[in-house]
């Protein structure tokens, strides 16, 4: 009877599902009201004109129009500035 008795199981059999984050509609593309523009964890992109941020930090359009990404400097409470990316619908 040549067989292995208590070999145990593999420790690395786990992998999480992809979360499908990122930009869904790019700069210059047309979009309709309620469509998601970006899915994100945290604030990589900030809502600008005619866009809002959902509870899960997704950015979505509140009007029909064209998507436009812009940059601006933002000052934090310590006086340091950093560049942020705004998502607008024009």
Protein backbone atom coordinates (compact mmCIF):
# COMPACT_ATOMS: atom_id res chain seq x y z
CA UNK A 1 0.00 0.00 0.00
CA UNK A 2 2.16 2.82 -1.26
CA UNK A 3 0.21 6.02 -0.77
CA UNK A 4 0.75 9.30 1.00
CA UNK A 5 -1.13 9.62 4.26
CA UNK A 6 -1.48 13.16 5.65
CA UNK A 7 -0.12 15.44 2.94
CA UNK A 8 -2.31 18.40 3.80
CA UNK A 9 -3.75 20.87 1.33
CA UNK A 10 -2.24 23.65 -0.70
CA UNK A 11 -2.04 27.06 1.00
CA UNK A 12 -2.27 29.16 -2.15
CA UNK A 13 -5.60 28.38 -3.76
CA UNK A 14 -7.17 31.83 -3.35
CA UNK A 15 -7.57 34.72 -5.77
CA UNK A 16 -10.01 37.62 -5.68
CA UNK A 17 -12.21 38.69 -8.55
CA UNK A 18 -11.23 41.72 -10.63
CA UNK A 19 -13.13 44.86 -9.57
CA UNK A 20 -13.31 46.51 -13.04
CA UNK A 21 -12.13 49.92 -11.82
CA UNK A 22 -11.04 52.80 -14.03
CA UNK A 23 -12.33 55.21 -16.65
CA UNK A 24 -15.42 53.99 -18.52
CA UNK A 25 -15.94 57.01 -20.81
CA UNK A 26 -12.88 58.90 -22.09
CA UNK A 27 -12.24 62.58 -22.82
CA UNK A 28 -14.29 63.92 -25.74
CA UNK A 29 -16.88 61.12 -25.79
CA UNK A 30 -20.63 61.74 -25.60
CA UNK A 31 -22.48 60.64 -22.45
CA UNK A 32 -26.09 60.48 -21.27
CA UNK A 33 -27.62 61.41 -17.94
CA UNK A 34 -26.88 58.87 -15.17
CA UNK A 35 -24.04 57.10 -17.00
CA UNK A 36 -20.94 56.15 -15.02
CA UNK A 37 -17.75 57.91 -16.12
CA UNK A 38 -15.21 56.44 -13.65
CA UNK A 39 -15.21 53.65 -11.06
CA UNK A 40 -12.64 54.14 -8.31
CA UNK A 41 -11.62 53.36 -4.75
CA UNK A 42 -10.95 56.64 -2.98
CA UNK A 43 -10.64 59.90 -4.89
CA UNK A 44 -8.40 59.57 -7.92
CA UNK A 45 -10.83 61.72 -9.94
CA UNK A 46 -13.04 64.48 -8.52
CA UNK A 47 -16.51 65.49 -9.73
CA UNK A 48 -16.70 68.79 -11.61
CA UNK A 49 -19.48 70.46 -13.62
CA UNK A 50 -22.60 68.34 -14.20
CA UNK A 51 -21.13 65.30 -12.42
CA UNK A 52 -21.64 63.81 -8.98
CA UNK A 53 -19.88 61.27 -6.80
CA UNK A 54 -21.75 58.12 -5.74
CA UNK A 55 -21.51 56.38 -2.38
CA UNK A 56 -18.85 53.99 -3.74
CA UNK A 57 -16.83 56.99 -5.12
CA UNK A 58 -17.95 56.38 -8.72
CA UNK A 59 -18.29 59.54 -10.83
CA UNK A 60 -21.49 59.79 -12.91
CA UNK A 61 -23.11 62.36 -15.20
CA UNK A 62 -26.19 64.36 -14.17
CA UNK A 63 -26.67 65.87 -17.67
CA UNK A 64 -26.21 64.77 -21.28
CA UNK A 65 -23.06 66.11 -22.92
CA UNK A 66 -19.37 65.59 -23.64
CA UNK A 67 -16.85 64.35 -21.05
CA UNK A 68 -13.93 66.68 -20.36
CA UNK A 69 -11.03 66.03 -17.97
CA UNK A 70 -9.27 69.09 -16.47
CA UNK A 71 -6.54 69.60 -13.88
CA UNK A 72 -6.29 72.17 -11.13
CA UNK A 73 -4.25 72.88 -8.01
CA UNK A 74 -5.91 72.14 -4.68
CA UNK A 75 -4.67 73.37 -1.30
CA UNK A 76 -5.05 71.08 1.71
CA UNK A 77 -5.51 72.20 5.33
CA UNK A 78 -1.74 72.38 5.91
CA UNK A 79 -1.25 74.79 3.00
CA UNK A 80 0.34 72.23 0.66
CA UNK A 81 -0.85 72.21 -2.94
CA UNK A 82 -1.38 69.19 -5.16
CA UNK A 83 -2.73 68.59 -8.64
CA UNK A 84 -6.17 66.99 -8.90
CA UNK A 85 -8.10 65.77 -11.95
CA UNK A 86 -11.67 67.00 -12.36
CA UNK A 87 -14.27 65.24 -14.49
CA UNK A 88 -16.71 67.61 -16.21
CA UNK A 89 -19.65 67.12 -18.56
CA UNK A 90 -20.04 70.05 -20.96
